[in-house]
C-alpha cells in the first residue's frame, strides 16, 4: 500500500531533477511537478512545462523517469498543458536561485498590479529599476532580455504569465 509519505518521497525525487536549460534550478523550483497520485495500483507523476512549446519537454520527461527508476520507483510520468504553468508556481527558493544566476524573477501575482504594465524590472545584479528591455525573447521563448542602465549588465527575466 502506497502511503502519503511515500507519495511525498516520490514527489521529492521528481522535483529534484535539474531543469536542462537552467541547470542551477530544479523542476521543483520552477513548480513543474503538478501532482503525484495513486490510481489503483499505479503511481502517476504529472508535470506541466513552463512553456507550451518548450523544446526540453521530452528531455525533462526522460530525466524524471530516470530519476524515479534510479530510486527504484515504478511510476508513470506524463506532461499536461492544463492548467497552464504560471510564474506564480516558481518557489521562493527558485526565485532566489534565478536572481543569483542573474535572471530577474517575476514578482508573485499578489505583488503585481492588477493591470499589467510594462513596469521596470529590477536588476538582479544591483537591484536598480533603471532597466530597459532589449528583446522580447532571451535564450528561451519564456524569457526576455534586459539591460540595467545603472550597472550596464545585461540580464534575462522570466516573462510573467
Protein backbone atom coordinates (compact mmCIF):
# COMPACT_ATOMS: atom_id res chain seq x y z
CA UNK A 1 0.00 0.00 0.00
CA UNK A 2 1.38 3.41 -1.02
CA UNK A 3 1.14 5.96 1.80
CA UNK A 4 1.03 9.75 1.72
CA UNK A 5 4.63 9.71 2.96
CA UNK A 6 5.57 7.50 0.01
CA UNK A 7 3.88 9.94 -2.39
CA UNK A 8 5.76 12.83 -0.75
CA UNK A 9 9.05 10.94 -1.20
CA UNK A 10 8.22 10.26 -4.85
CA UNK A 11 7.41 13.96 -5.37
CA UNK A 12 10.76 14.85 -3.80
CA UNK A 13 12.63 12.60 -6.25
CA UNK A 14 10.76 14.03 -9.25
CA UNK A 15 11.16 17.61 -8.03
CA UNK A 16 14.93 17.16 -7.58
CA UNK A 17 15.50 16.79 -11.35
CA UNK A 18 17.53 19.66 -12.80
CA UNK A 19 15.96 21.80 -15.49
CA UNK A 20 18.03 21.07 -18.64
CA UNK A 21 18.01 24.70 -19.79
CA UNK A 22 18.59 26.20 -16.32
CA UNK A 23 20.75 23.58 -14.53
CA UNK A 24 21.03 25.69 -11.37
CA UNK A 25 17.25 25.15 -10.89
CA UNK A 26 15.24 22.01 -10.39
CA UNK A 27 11.85 21.39 -11.94
CA UNK A 28 10.60 21.54 -8.35
CA UNK A 29 12.00 25.08 -8.00
CA UNK A 30 10.04 26.00 -11.12
CA UNK A 31 6.82 24.42 -9.86
CA UNK A 32 6.58 21.98 -12.75
CA UNK A 33 5.64 18.93 -10.62
CA UNK A 34 1.86 19.28 -10.56
CA UNK A 35 0.81 16.06 -8.88
CA UNK A 36 1.95 12.70 -7.57
CA UNK A 37 -1.05 10.42 -7.12
CA UNK A 38 -2.00 6.81 -6.67
CA UNK A 39 -4.55 5.40 -9.13
CA UNK A 40 -5.44 1.85 -8.05
CA UNK A 41 -2.05 0.10 -8.14
CA UNK A 42 -0.29 2.72 -10.30
CA UNK A 43 1.65 5.83 -9.32
CA UNK A 44 1.17 8.82 -11.65
CA UNK A 45 3.55 11.80 -11.72
CA UNK A 46 2.12 14.79 -13.59
CA UNK A 47 4.31 17.62 -14.86
CA UNK A 48 3.49 20.92 -16.57
CA UNK A 49 6.13 22.59 -18.79
CA UNK A 50 6.98 26.24 -18.23
CA UNK A 51 6.17 26.96 -21.85
CA UNK A 52 3.84 25.08 -24.20
CA UNK A 53 6.46 24.98 -26.95
CA UNK A 54 9.35 24.20 -24.60
CA UNK A 55 11.96 22.17 -26.55
CA UNK A 56 13.16 20.49 -23.34
CA UNK A 57 9.83 18.74 -22.62
CA UNK A 58 10.93 15.28 -23.79
CA UNK A 59 14.27 15.59 -22.01
CA UNK A 60 12.52 16.56 -18.76
CA UNK A 61 10.18 13.56 -19.04
CA UNK A 62 13.14 11.24 -19.65
CA UNK A 63 15.13 12.74 -16.76
CA UNK A 64 12.23 12.34 -14.31
CA UNK A 65 11.68 8.74 -15.44
CA UNK A 66 15.42 8.06 -14.98
CA UNK A 67 15.48 9.64 -11.51
CA UNK A 68 12.48 7.60 -10.43
CA UNK A 69 13.99 4.38 -11.83
CA UNK A 70 17.30 5.11 -10.06
CA UNK A 71 15.31 5.40 -6.81
CA UNK A 72 13.59 2.07 -7.60
CA UNK A 73 10.23 3.79 -8.01
CA UNK A 74 7.79 2.48 -10.59
CA UNK A 75 5.66 5.36 -11.80
CA UNK A 76 4.08 6.69 -14.94
CA UNK A 77 5.13 10.21 -15.86
CA UNK A 78 3.09 12.48 -18.08
CA UNK A 79 3.18 16.08 -19.21
CA UNK A 80 -0.08 18.05 -19.11
CA UNK A 81 -0.71 21.51 -20.53
CA UNK A 82 -3.76 22.43 -18.48
CA UNK A 83 -3.81 24.26 -16.25
CA UNK A 84 -1.05 26.21 -17.96
CA UNK A 85 2.11 26.83 -15.95
CA UNK A 86 2.41 30.26 -14.37
CA UNK A 87 5.40 32.08 -12.94
CA UNK A 88 3.47 32.12 -9.64
CA UNK A 89 4.44 28.45 -9.29
CA UNK A 90 8.15 29.32 -9.00
CA UNK A 91 9.14 28.67 -5.38
CA UNK A 92 10.79 31.28 -3.16
CA UNK A 93 13.98 29.22 -3.38
CA UNK A 94 13.65 29.14 -7.17
CA UNK A 95 13.28 32.94 -7.29
CA UNK A 96 16.45 33.34 -5.23
CA UNK A 97 18.36 30.89 -7.45
CA UNK A 98 17.23 32.82 -10.54
CA UNK A 99 18.35 36.11 -9.00
CA UNK A 100 21.72 34.59 -8.03
CA UNK A 101 22.17 33.40 -11.62
CA UNK A 102 21.49 36.90 -12.96
CA UNK A 103 17.92 36.27 -14.12
CA UNK A 104 15.28 38.62 -12.70
CA UNK A 105 12.38 36.53 -11.39
CA UNK A 106 8.88 37.95 -11.85
CA UNK A 107 7.05 39.03 -8.73
CA UNK A 108 4.31 36.72 -7.46
CA UNK A 109 0.82 37.62 -8.70
CA UNK A 110 -0.16 39.19 -5.37
CA UNK A 111 2.77 41.58 -5.69
CA UNK A 112 1.98 42.62 -9.27
CA UNK A 113 -0.54 45.29 -10.22
CA UNK A 114 -3.93 44.07 -11.42
CA UNK A 115 -3.43 45.85 -14.74
CA UNK A 116 -0.22 44.59 -16.27
CA UNK A 117 2.02 47.42 -17.41
CA UNK A 118 5.49 47.27 -18.82
CA UNK A 119 7.00 48.29 -15.47
CA UNK A 120 10.75 48.39 -14.96
CA UNK A 121 12.27 45.07 -13.95
CA UNK A 122 14.64 45.06 -11.00
CA UNK A 123 18.23 44.27 -11.95
CA UNK A 124 19.37 41.03 -10.24
CA UNK A 125 22.94 42.38 -10.07
CA UNK A 126 22.50 45.82 -8.44
CA UNK A 127 18.73 45.98 -7.66
CA UNK A 128 18.24 49.12 -9.75
CA UNK A 129 14.93 49.60 -11.51
CA UNK A 130 16.62 51.66 -14.25
CA UNK A 131 16.37 48.81 -16.72
CA UNK A 132 15.42 48.56 -20.37
CA UNK A 133 14.03 45.67 -22.40
CA UNK A 134 16.36 44.83 -25.28
CA UNK A 135 14.36 41.94 -26.72
CA UNK A 136 11.04 40.20 -26.08
CA UNK A 137 12.94 36.92 -26.23
CA UNK A 138 16.03 35.81 -24.33
CA UNK A 139 17.84 32.49 -24.56
CA UNK A 140 14.45 30.76 -24.50
CA UNK A 141 10.99 31.91 -25.54
CA UNK A 142 9.84 32.10 -21.91
CA UNK A 143 12.40 34.80 -21.04
CA UNK A 144 13.02 38.40 -22.17
CA UNK A 145 16.38 40.17 -22.44
CA UNK A 146 17.01 43.37 -20.46
CA UNK A 147 19.94 45.65 -19.66
CA UNK A 148 20.47 47.66 -16.50
CA UNK A 149 21.17 51.32 -17.17
CA UNK A 150 22.82 51.67 -13.73
CA UNK A 151 25.39 48.86 -13.81
CA UNK A 152 25.14 48.25 -17.61
CA UNK A 153 24.83 44.47 -17.12
CA UNK A 154 22.54 42.50 -19.43
CA UNK A 155 20.18 40.01 -17.79
CA UNK A 156 17.17 37.87 -18.56
CA UNK A 157 13.83 37.70 -16.81
CA UNK A 158 11.07 35.13 -16.94
CA UNK A 159 8.03 36.62 -18.60
CA UNK A 160 5.20 36.98 -16.09
CA UNK A 161 2.37 34.67 -17.10
